[in-house]
Amino acid sequence: MKLPHYVAGVSLGLALAACSGAQNGATSMTLPSAPGAGGITHYSAPGSSTPNADKGQQLTGAHKATTALILVVNEGAGTGGTISEFAETANGNVAPSSVISTHTQPFGIAFSSKEGIGIADGNINSSGEFGAETFSLTGDFLTGISCFPKPSSTRGVAFDSAGQLFVSAFLPEGGRAIDVFKPGANNCAKPKRTIPDVGGVAIDSNNLLYVANSTTATIDVFPSGSGAMEAQIGGTNTGLVAPGTVAVDASLNVYVLDTKTATISEFAAGATGNVAPIRTISGSNTGLSGGNGFSFGLSVSKRSGEIFVSNPGSNAILGFAANATGNAAPIQMIAGSATRLSDPLGVALAE
């Protein structure tokens, strides 16, 4: 469905104003606790068109995390999608601090301190369905982009430093594209430009776009503002077979999760061509199993260097030490009934 322009505009204006206030010395946001969850929980009532927020919800600091958060998008195993928020230090069978309902069964997630949480909504089968949405950290629905081809499937999202939203989609009859939308794009917005590639996406601090292309077994690199590929990582030395997701750390090292081999590979900043990774993480101790295509999410903390992976096969979030290598066990694992994880397909960090 299409959200009326005035509704989305008011929500977005309030949230952005709140973000501005937080940056200008507003006090930290205090959220009322929900039973068993440790924070606000948001749900859509059956048949409702937008997520319902608890009454009295505060918008101050809506996009600015007061503490580092792990953001997980759950496909929901056919029961409806959600975004789960956990403290970055969460471990074990712990409840999320907040759960946000989405309109569909999403695949990918990204975070921007300017634009909030962005999600790729997965399969689009009929007119009016959202292909991408944005939410504030407190669960407010901000925007929904609806005019993607039908049928198609949006699988990955990323924000650049200007707040532009990059949406990676499989199109009808085998087509593929990464659509770039202006900040705040809403309803039947048209992309500013389209990049002829598809896969998991990440954008570094220089606004270089990295695409994990499982079809060509490559990481494709596009410069800021261009649809022409600048460089590519690929070849027998890379060990890449079917790269599904990609992430970049604070030093511009590139991390790739290959779901065919259940391997995390790190490539040095600026690496191109048929180069070997500087380290890999794989093996029976890692817990990396059960993924398929885009089914693993991947994110790297810019604060600690810890590597976070979402694994739908075990309904778990795995955290690997910044210096982990080889058949390393995770140092952090969020799993169990209290987590309410349900086919977690994507992970991002709000830092």
Protein backbone atom coordinates (compact mmCIF):
# COMPACT_ATOMS: atom_id res chain seq x y z
CA MET A 1 0.00 0.00 0.00
CA LYS A 2 1.01 3.60 -0.39
CA LEU A 3 1.29 5.74 2.69
CA PRO A 4 -0.25 9.21 2.17
CA HIS A 5 2.44 11.79 1.47
CA TYR A 6 1.41 14.02 4.34
CA VAL A 7 1.57 11.21 6.90
CA ALA A 8 5.04 10.07 5.88
CA GLY A 9 6.19 13.68 5.58
CA VAL A 10 5.08 14.55 9.10
CA SER A 11 6.71 11.41 10.56
CA LEU A 12 9.94 12.05 8.71
CA GLY A 13 9.99 15.72 9.68
CA LEU A 14 9.46 14.93 13.34
CA ALA A 15 12.12 12.26 13.37
CA LEU A 16 14.69 14.40 11.60
CA ALA A 17 13.95 17.27 13.91
CA ALA A 18 14.45 14.93 16.83
CA CYS A 19 17.78 13.80 15.42
CA SER A 20 18.84 17.42 15.08
CA GLY A 21 17.85 18.06 18.66
CA ALA A 22 19.88 15.13 19.89
CA GLN A 23 22.94 16.42 18.10
CA ASN A 24 22.52 19.80 19.73
CA GLY A 25 22.78 18.60 23.30
CA ALA A 26 19.36 17.10 23.95
CA THR A 27 19.24 14.77 26.91
CA SER A 28 19.50 11.03 26.36
CA MET A 29 16.28 9.25 25.50
CA THR A 30 14.72 7.09 28.20
CA LEU A 31 12.34 4.43 26.96
CA PRO A 32 9.69 2.77 29.11
CA SER A 33 10.24 -0.95 29.58
CA ALA A 34 8.06 -3.57 27.95
CA PRO A 35 7.48 -6.74 29.92
CA GLY A 36 10.30 -9.19 29.29
CA ALA A 37 11.91 -7.10 26.57
CA GLY A 38 13.71 -4.29 28.35
CA GLY A 39 12.37 -1.56 26.08
CA ILE A 40 9.60 -0.48 23.72
CA THR A 41 8.10 -3.19 21.53
CA HIS A 42 6.21 -2.20 18.38
CA TYR A 43 3.74 -4.41 16.57
CA SER A 44 1.34 -4.11 13.66
CA ALA A 45 -2.20 -5.05 14.51
CA PRO A 46 -3.64 -7.68 12.12
CA GLY A 47 -4.68 -5.97 8.91
CA SER A 48 -3.14 -2.62 9.83
CA SER A 49 -1.18 -0.77 7.17
CA THR A 50 1.63 0.62 9.28
CA PRO A 51 3.47 -0.47 12.44
CA ASN A 52 1.84 0.64 15.69
CA ALA A 53 4.01 2.50 18.20
CA ASP A 54 3.32 2.48 21.91
CA LYS A 55 1.54 5.55 23.20
CA GLY A 56 3.80 8.20 24.66
CA GLN A 57 6.77 7.17 22.53
CA GLN A 58 9.57 9.73 22.61
CA LEU A 59 11.28 10.73 19.35
CA THR A 60 14.31 12.48 20.84
CA GLY A 61 17.38 10.87 19.34
CA ALA A 62 15.32 8.72 17.00
CA HIS A 63 18.25 8.04 14.68
CA LYS A 64 21.11 8.37 17.14
CA ALA A 65 21.85 5.30 19.24
CA THR A 66 22.60 6.17 22.87
CA THR A 67 24.43 2.83 23.03
CA ALA A 68 25.75 0.66 20.21
CA LEU A 69 23.03 -1.62 18.86
CA ILE A 70 22.87 -4.78 16.80
CA LEU A 71 19.99 -4.47 14.33
CA VAL A 72 18.61 -7.73 12.95
CA VAL A 73 16.01 -8.13 10.23
CA ASN A 74 13.90 -11.28 10.61
CA GLU A 75 12.14 -12.76 7.59
CA GLY A 76 9.76 -14.38 10.05
CA ALA A 77 9.37 -17.84 8.46
CA GLY A 78 6.11 -16.74 6.86
CA THR A 79 4.66 -15.19 10.03
CA GLY A 80 5.62 -11.56 9.33
CA GLY A 81 8.86 -9.63 9.34
CA THR A 82 10.43 -7.75 12.24
CA ILE A 83 13.50 -5.72 13.15
CA SER A 84 15.09 -6.76 16.44
CA GLU A 85 17.40 -4.48 18.40
CA PHE A 86 19.99 -5.83 20.83
CA ALA A 87 22.76 -4.10 22.76
CA GLU A 88 26.05 -4.71 20.97
CA THR A 89 27.27 -6.52 24.10
CA ALA A 90 24.22 -8.84 24.26
CA ASN A 91 25.05 -12.51 24.66
CA GLY A 92 23.13 -15.72 25.19
CA ASN A 93 19.38 -16.29 25.37
CA VAL A 94 18.47 -12.63 25.85
CA ALA A 95 15.37 -10.67 24.88
CA PRO A 96 15.71 -7.83 22.36
CA SER A 97 15.52 -4.30 23.72
CA SER A 98 12.97 -3.48 21.00
CA VAL A 99 11.10 -5.19 18.18
CA ILE A 100 9.71 -3.27 15.19
CA SER A 101 7.13 -4.81 12.87
CA THR A 102 7.63 -4.45 9.12
CA HIS A 103 5.11 -4.67 6.29
CA THR A 104 6.65 -7.68 4.59
CA GLN A 105 9.20 -10.46 5.10
CA PRO A 106 12.48 -8.57 4.63
CA PHE A 107 15.92 -9.74 3.53
CA GLY A 108 18.44 -6.94 4.13
CA ILE A 109 19.11 -4.11 6.56
CA ALA A 110 21.34 -1.03 6.86
CA PHE A 111 21.67 1.91 9.24
CA SER A 112 22.35 5.62 8.80
CA SER A 113 22.54 8.12 11.65
CA LYS A 114 20.82 10.58 9.27
CA GLU A 115 18.15 8.37 7.71
CA GLY A 116 17.56 5.65 10.30
CA ILE A 117 17.06 1.95 9.56
CA GLY A 118 16.69 0.89 5.94
CA ILE A 119 15.38 -2.51 4.94
CA ALA A 120 14.99 -4.45 1.68
CA ASP A 121 11.53 -5.95 1.76
CA GLY A 122 12.20 -9.12 -0.22
CA ASN A 123 9.63 -10.51 -2.65
CA ILE A 124 7.29 -8.07 -4.39
CA ASN A 125 4.35 -9.77 -6.06
CA SER A 126 1.61 -7.19 -6.45
CA SER A 127 1.08 -3.49 -7.05
CA GLY A 128 1.61 -1.17 -4.10
CA GLU A 129 3.87 -3.47 -2.09
CA PHE A 130 6.95 -1.85 -0.60
CA GLY A 131 10.35 -2.85 -1.90
CA ALA A 132 12.27 -0.75 0.63
CA GLU A 133 11.35 0.99 3.88
CA THR A 134 12.95 3.19 6.50
CA PHE A 135 12.25 3.34 10.24
CA SER A 136 13.60 5.36 13.14
CA LEU A 137 15.42 3.52 15.92
CA THR A 138 12.35 3.99 18.10
CA GLY A 139 10.16 2.16 15.61
CA ASP A 140 8.47 4.98 13.72
CA PHE A 141 7.68 4.16 10.10
CA LEU A 142 9.28 6.89 7.98
CA THR A 143 9.18 5.99 4.28
CA GLY A 144 8.17 3.19 1.94
CA ILE A 145 9.19 2.94 -1.73
CA SER A 146 6.61 1.02 -3.72
CA CYS A 147 7.18 1.30 -7.48
CA PHE A 148 9.53 -1.61 -8.11
CA PRO A 149 8.70 -4.00 -10.96
CA LYS A 150 6.35 -6.86 -10.16
CA PRO A 151 7.35 -9.56 -9.58
CA SER A 152 10.81 -8.78 -8.27
CA SER A 153 12.78 -9.18 -5.08
CA THR A 154 14.82 -6.62 -3.16
CA ARG A 155 17.67 -8.31 -1.29
CA GLY A 156 20.19 -5.72 -0.08
CA VAL A 157 20.34 -2.09 1.08
CA ALA A 158 23.03 0.45 1.99
CA PHE A 159 23.26 4.17 2.76
CA ASP A 160 25.99 6.50 1.58
CA SER A 161 27.23 9.48 3.59
CA ALA A 162 24.68 11.78 1.93
CA GLY A 163 21.81 9.55 3.03
CA GLN A 164 21.10 8.13 -0.41
CA LEU A 165 19.56 4.66 -0.27
CA PHE A 166 20.99 1.92 -2.51
CA VAL A 167 18.57 -0.97 -3.09
CA SER A 168 19.75 -4.19 -4.73
CA ALA A 169 17.02 -6.08 -6.58
CA PHE A 170 16.43 -9.10 -8.78
CA LEU A 171 14.07 -8.03 -11.56
CA PRO A 172 11.63 -9.92 -13.83
CA GLU A 173 13.07 -12.24 -16.49
CA GLY A 174 16.49 -12.39 -14.86
CA GLY A 175 17.20 -8.66 -14.81
CA ARG A 176 19.21 -7.09 -12.01
CA ALA A 177 19.79 -3.58 -10.77
CA ILE A 178 20.90 -1.46 -7.85
CA ASP A 179 18.60 1.56 -7.65
CA VAL A 180 19.85 4.73 -5.96
CA PHE A 181 17.21 6.87 -4.26
CA LYS A 182 17.55 10.37 -2.85
CA PRO A 183 17.33 10.82 0.94
CA GLY A 184 13.74 10.57 2.14
CA ALA A 185 12.45 9.00 -1.09
CA ASN A 186 8.88 7.80 -0.53
CA ASN A 187 5.88 6.19 -2.20
CA CYS A 188 6.33 5.74 -5.97
CA ALA A 189 9.72 7.46 -6.03
CA LYS A 190 11.87 7.00 -9.09
CA PRO A 191 15.55 6.19 -8.62
CA LYS A 192 18.09 8.93 -9.31
CA ARG A 193 20.16 6.38 -11.21
CA THR A 194 20.55 2.65 -11.64
CA ILE A 195 23.70 0.52 -11.44
CA PRO A 196 23.70 -2.68 -13.54
CA ASP A 197 24.71 -5.17 -10.86
CA VAL A 198 23.08 -7.07 -8.00
CA GLY A 199 24.10 -8.69 -4.75
CA GLY A 200 24.80 -7.89 -1.14
CA VAL A 201 25.94 -4.27 -0.87
CA ALA A 202 28.13 -2.13 1.39
CA ILE A 203 29.43 1.44 1.14
CA ASP A 204 32.66 2.66 2.72
CA SER A 205 33.54 6.07 4.18
CA ASN A 206 34.74 7.21 0.74
CA ASN A 207 31.33 6.31 -0.71
CA LEU A 208 32.76 3.42 -2.75
CA LEU A 209 30.06 0.81 -3.39
CA TYR A 210 30.94 -2.88 -2.98
CA VAL A 211 28.68 -5.54 -4.48
CA ALA A 212 28.95 -9.25 -3.62
CA ASN A 213 27.99 -10.84 -6.94
CA SER A 214 27.35 -14.54 -6.40
CA THR A 215 26.81 -15.18 -10.13
CA THR A 216 30.30 -14.04 -11.14
CA ALA A 217 31.93 -14.97 -7.80
CA THR A 218 33.32 -11.44 -7.53
CA ILE A 219 33.24 -8.33 -5.39
CA ASP A 220 32.48 -5.44 -7.74
CA VAL A 221 33.59 -1.93 -6.78
CA PHE A 222 31.91 1.24 -8.04
CA PRO A 223 33.16 4.78 -7.36
CA SER A 224 30.90 7.38 -5.78
CA GLY A 225 28.27 8.71 -8.16
CA SER A 226 29.11 6.28 -10.97
CA GLY A 227 27.55 3.18 -12.48
CA ALA A 228 30.79 2.15 -14.15
CA MET A 229 32.73 -0.54 -12.31
CA GLU A 230 36.11 0.74 -11.06
CA ALA A 231 37.65 -2.49 -9.76
CA GLN A 232 36.86 -6.11 -9.03
CA ILE A 233 38.06 -8.78 -6.61
CA GLY A 234 37.77 -12.22 -8.18
CA GLY A 235 39.64 -15.29 -9.33
CA THR A 236 40.93 -18.59 -8.02
CA ASN A 237 43.22 -17.03 -5.40
CA THR A 238 40.32 -15.22 -3.72
CA GLY A 239 38.58 -18.44 -2.69
CA LEU A 240 35.25 -16.85 -3.60
CA VAL A 241 32.60 -19.26 -4.89
CA ALA A 242 29.24 -17.62 -4.18
CA PRO A 243 29.76 -14.40 -2.16
CA GLY A 244 26.44 -13.33 -0.71
CA THR A 245 27.15 -10.40 1.61
CA VAL A 246 29.90 -7.83 2.04
CA ALA A 247 30.97 -5.34 4.73
CA VAL A 248 33.74 -2.77 5.18
CA ASP A 249 35.52 -1.88 8.43
CA ALA A 250 36.85 1.47 9.65
CA SER A 251 40.21 0.83 7.94
CA LEU A 252 38.47 0.05 4.61
CA ASN A 253 39.27 -3.66 4.74
CA VAL A 254 36.63 -5.66 2.89
CA TYR A 255 34.84 -8.65 4.46
CA VAL A 256 32.92 -11.18 2.42
CA LEU A 257 30.68 -14.02 3.57
CA ASP A 258 30.57 -16.79 1.02
CA THR A 259 27.45 -18.82 1.71
CA LYS A 260 28.49 -21.70 -0.55
CA THR A 261 31.60 -22.40 1.53
CA ALA A 262 30.37 -20.87 4.85
CA THR A 263 33.55 -18.76 4.96
CA ILE A 264 34.26 -15.19 6.03
CA SER A 265 37.16 -13.73 4.01
CA GLU A 266 38.91 -10.45 4.70
CA PHE A 267 40.64 -8.58 1.89
CA ALA A 268 43.10 -5.75 2.47
CA ALA A 269 41.95 -2.19 1.82
CA GLY A 270 42.34 -1.37 -1.85
CA ALA A 271 42.72 -5.02 -2.91
CA THR A 272 41.78 -5.75 -6.52
CA GLY A 273 42.08 -8.60 -8.97
CA ASN A 274 42.93 -12.22 -8.24
CA VAL A 275 44.28 -11.68 -4.72
CA ALA A 276 44.23 -13.97 -1.71
CA PRO A 277 42.39 -12.84 1.43
CA ILE A 278 44.54 -11.74 4.35
CA ARG A 279 42.59 -14.14 6.59
CA THR A 280 39.58 -16.44 6.57
CA ILE A 281 37.22 -17.77 9.23
CA SER A 282 35.63 -21.16 8.57
CA GLY A 283 35.21 -24.61 10.07
CA SER A 284 33.10 -26.67 12.41
CA ASN A 285 33.71 -24.41 15.43
CA THR A 286 32.39 -21.27 13.77
CA GLY A 287 28.68 -22.12 13.67
CA LEU A 288 28.56 -20.85 10.06
CA SER A 289 26.12 -23.23 8.44
CA GLY A 290 22.62 -23.37 7.03
CA GLY A 291 22.86 -20.27 4.85
CA ASN A 292 21.71 -19.92 1.25
CA GLY A 293 22.30 -16.99 -1.09
CA PHE A 294 21.60 -13.82 0.85
CA SER A 295 20.65 -15.75 3.97
CA PHE A 296 23.69 -14.71 6.00
CA GLY A 297 23.93 -11.10 7.15
CA LEU A 298 27.36 -9.56 7.83
CA SER A 299 28.51 -6.42 9.62
CA VAL A 300 31.79 -5.27 11.21
CA SER A 301 31.98 -2.97 14.23
CA LYS A 302 33.81 0.25 13.45
CA ARG A 303 34.51 0.57 17.19
CA SER A 304 35.86 -2.85 18.13
CA GLY A 305 36.42 -4.62 14.82
CA GLU A 306 34.19 -7.50 15.97
CA ILE A 307 32.49 -9.35 13.11
CA PHE A 308 28.76 -10.06 13.41
CA VAL A 309 26.91 -12.65 11.33
CA SER A 310 23.22 -13.52 11.28
CA ASN A 311 22.55 -17.23 10.70
CA PRO A 312 18.97 -18.24 9.90
CA GLY A 313 19.91 -21.91 9.96
CA SER A 314 20.37 -21.73 13.72
CA ASN A 315 18.30 -18.59 14.45
CA ALA A 316 21.40 -16.98 15.90
CA ILE A 317 23.62 -13.92 15.78
CA LEU A 318 27.30 -14.85 15.94
CA GLY A 319 30.08 -12.47 16.97
CA PHE A 320 33.73 -13.17 16.11
CA ALA A 321 36.72 -11.46 17.71
CA ALA A 322 38.41 -8.74 15.68
CA ASN A 323 41.51 -10.96 15.30
CA ALA A 324 39.69 -14.28 14.80
CA THR A 325 41.10 -16.55 12.12
CA GLY A 326 40.74 -20.13 10.96
CA ASN A 327 38.35 -22.49 12.73
CA ALA A 328 37.51 -19.97 15.47
CA ALA A 329 34.49 -20.20 17.73
CA PRO A 330 32.37 -17.07 18.16
CA ILE A 331 33.05 -15.04 21.30
CA GLN A 332 29.43 -13.90 21.37
CA MET A 333 26.21 -15.67 20.42
CA ILE A 334 22.62 -14.43 20.65
CA ALA A 335 20.30 -17.45 20.40
CA GLY A 336 17.36 -19.05 22.17
CA SER A 337 13.62 -18.62 22.61
CA ALA A 338 13.90 -15.31 24.49
CA THR A 339 15.62 -13.64 21.51
CA ARG A 340 12.53 -14.06 19.29
CA LEU A 341 14.83 -14.38 16.30
CA SER A 342 12.98 -15.91 13.36
CA ASP A 343 14.96 -16.49 10.17
CA PRO A 344 17.38 -13.58 10.73
CA LEU A 345 18.54 -12.72 7.20
CA GLY A 346 20.40 -9.46 7.77
CA VAL A 347 22.40 -7.65 10.43
CA ALA A 348 23.61 -4.07 10.79
CA LEU A 349 25.17 -2.01 13.57
CA ALA A 350 24.02 1.32 14.93
CA GLU A 351 27.17 2.85 16.37
